[in-house]
Amino acid sequence: MSNGKGVSRGDRNRNARLSRLRVLVPACNAIVGIDLADNKQAVVVTDHDSKVLGRRTFRCRAWDLGLAFDSEGRVP
């Protein structure tokens, strides 16, 4: 729902939160996000501006995710 005033309060809060997080992570580093579920794990690698560099899903339990990385021999 738009109030006609441009950017919503939620958008401003999200942008401010992302700006605070970007200060904490050097621009030369990548960020890895892992979504842990029961039998399917999702891994995403992003750059400093949240652009997705790689994405993989693994069909294993969360505690077996290390073994999945070891068997792949590379990052997503």
C-alpha atoms as a PDB file:
ATOM      1  CA  MET A   1       0.000   0.000   0.000  1.00  0.00           C
ATOM      2  CA  SER A   2       1.486   3.300  -1.065  1.00  0.00           C
ATOM      3  CA  ASN A   3       0.938   6.559   0.743  1.00  0.00           C
ATOM      4  CA  GLY A   4       2.118   8.660  -2.220  1.00  0.00           C
ATOM      5  CA  LYS A   5       5.111  10.069  -0.343  1.00  0.00           C
ATOM      6  CA  GLY A   6       7.786   8.019  -2.091  1.00  0.00           C
ATOM      7  CA  VAL A   7       9.798   5.617   0.060  1.00  0.00           C
ATOM      8  CA  SER A   8       7.861   3.943   2.870  1.00  0.00           C
ATOM      9  CA  ARG A   9       9.002   3.824   6.473  1.00  0.00           C
ATOM     10  CA  GLY A  10       9.716   0.094   6.097  1.00  0.00           C
ATOM     11  CA  ASP A  11      11.917   0.777   3.057  1.00  0.00           C
ATOM     12  CA  ARG A  12      13.787   3.518   4.925  1.00  0.00           C
ATOM     13  CA  ASN A  13      14.352   1.214   7.902  1.00  0.00           C
ATOM     14  CA  ARG A  14      15.575  -1.614   5.648  1.00  0.00           C
ATOM     15  CA  ASN A  15      17.935   0.722   3.772  1.00  0.00           C
ATOM     16  CA  ALA A  16      19.289   2.104   7.044  1.00  0.00           C
ATOM     17  CA  ARG A  17      19.845  -1.418   8.419  1.00  0.00           C
ATOM     18  CA  LEU A  18      21.669  -2.486   5.237  1.00  0.00           C
ATOM     19  CA  SER A  19      23.841   0.630   5.400  1.00  0.00           C
ATOM     20  CA  ARG A  20      24.829  -0.192   8.981  1.00  0.00           C
ATOM     21  CA  LEU A  21      25.676  -3.759   7.982  1.00  0.00           C
ATOM     22  CA  ARG A  22      27.732  -2.642   4.955  1.00  0.00           C
ATOM     23  CA  VAL A  23      29.940  -0.567   7.244  1.00  0.00           C
ATOM     24  CA  LEU A  24      30.770  -3.732   9.213  1.00  0.00           C
ATOM     25  CA  VAL A  25      31.771  -5.822   6.166  1.00  0.00           C
ATOM     26  CA  PRO A  26      34.775  -4.704   4.078  1.00  0.00           C
ATOM     27  CA  ALA A  27      33.987  -4.281   0.366  1.00  0.00           C
ATOM     28  CA  CYS A  28      36.552  -6.936  -0.616  1.00  0.00           C
ATOM     29  CA  ASN A  29      34.769  -9.672   1.396  1.00  0.00           C
ATOM     30  CA  ALA A  30      31.935 -11.927   0.283  1.00  0.00           C
ATOM     31  CA  ILE A  31      28.922 -12.685   2.457  1.00  0.00           C
ATOM     32  CA  VAL A  32      27.557 -16.222   2.841  1.00  0.00           C
ATOM     33  CA  GLY A  33      23.959 -16.796   3.865  1.00  0.00           C
ATOM     34  CA  ILE A  34      22.737 -20.266   4.803  1.00  0.00           C
ATOM     35  CA  ASP A  35      19.055 -21.188   5.137  1.00  0.00           C
ATOM     36  CA  LEU A  36      18.865 -24.276   7.311  1.00  0.00           C
ATOM     37  CA  ALA A  37      15.836 -26.522   6.921  1.00  0.00           C
ATOM     38  CA  ASP A  38      15.110 -30.137   7.797  1.00  0.00           C
ATOM     39  CA  ASN A  39      16.288 -31.916   4.631  1.00  0.00           C
ATOM     40  CA  LYS A  40      17.176 -29.144   2.166  1.00  0.00           C
ATOM     41  CA  GLN A  41      19.810 -26.465   2.824  1.00  0.00           C
ATOM     42  CA  ALA A  42      20.207 -23.323   0.695  1.00  0.00           C
ATOM     43  CA  VAL A  43      23.523 -21.438   0.482  1.00  0.00           C
ATOM     44  CA  VAL A  44      23.962 -18.027  -1.158  1.00  0.00           C
ATOM     45  CA  VAL A  45      27.158 -16.019  -1.666  1.00  0.00           C
ATOM     46  CA  THR A  46      26.699 -12.273  -2.211  1.00  0.00           C
ATOM     47  CA  ASP A  47      28.964  -9.309  -2.706  1.00  0.00           C
ATOM     48  CA  HIS A  48      29.028  -6.143  -0.615  1.00  0.00           C
ATOM     49  CA  ASP A  49      25.984  -4.714  -2.426  1.00  0.00           C
ATOM     50  CA  SER A  50      23.885  -7.884  -1.956  1.00  0.00           C
ATOM     51  CA  LYS A  51      24.353  -8.989  -5.570  1.00  0.00           C
ATOM     52  CA  VAL A  52      24.122 -12.784  -5.701  1.00  0.00           C
ATOM     53  CA  LEU A  53      27.400 -14.362  -6.857  1.00  0.00           C
ATOM     54  CA  GLY A  54      26.442 -17.996  -6.357  1.00  0.00           C
ATOM     55  CA  ARG A  55      23.606 -20.122  -5.083  1.00  0.00           C
ATOM     56  CA  ARG A  56      23.466 -23.839  -4.221  1.00  0.00           C
ATOM     57  CA  THR A  57      21.015 -26.168  -2.558  1.00  0.00           C
ATOM     58  CA  PHE A  58      22.025 -29.321  -0.760  1.00  0.00           C
ATOM     59  CA  ARG A  59      19.698 -32.224   0.012  1.00  0.00           C
ATOM     60  CA  CYS A  60      21.073 -33.219   3.392  1.00  0.00           C
ATOM     61  CA  ARG A  61      20.513 -32.572   7.064  1.00  0.00           C
ATOM     62  CA  ALA A  62      21.911 -29.352   8.556  1.00  0.00           C
ATOM     63  CA  TRP A  63      24.602 -31.225  10.502  1.00  0.00           C
ATOM     64  CA  ASP A  64      25.785 -32.897   7.262  1.00  0.00           C
ATOM     65  CA  LEU A  65      26.290 -29.590   5.444  1.00  0.00           C
ATOM     66  CA  GLY A  66      30.031 -29.584   6.188  1.00  0.00           C
ATOM     67  CA  LEU A  67      30.359 -32.935   4.460  1.00  0.00           C
ATOM     68  CA  ALA A  68      28.508 -31.560   1.437  1.00  0.00           C
ATOM     69  CA  PHE A  69      30.977 -28.648   1.200  1.00  0.00           C
ATOM     70  CA  ASP A  70      33.915 -31.003   1.567  1.00  0.00           C
ATOM     71  CA  SER A  71      32.671 -33.301  -1.196  1.00  0.00           C
ATOM     72  CA  GLU A  72      32.032 -30.371  -3.556  1.00  0.00           C
ATOM     73  CA  GLY A  73      35.523 -28.958  -3.087  1.00  0.00           C
ATOM     74  CA  ARG A  74      34.401 -25.443  -3.973  1.00  0.00           C
ATOM     75  CA  VAL A  75      32.193 -22.620  -2.811  1.00  0.00           C
ATOM     76  CA  PRO A  76      28.856 -21.988  -4.575  1.00  0.00           C
END
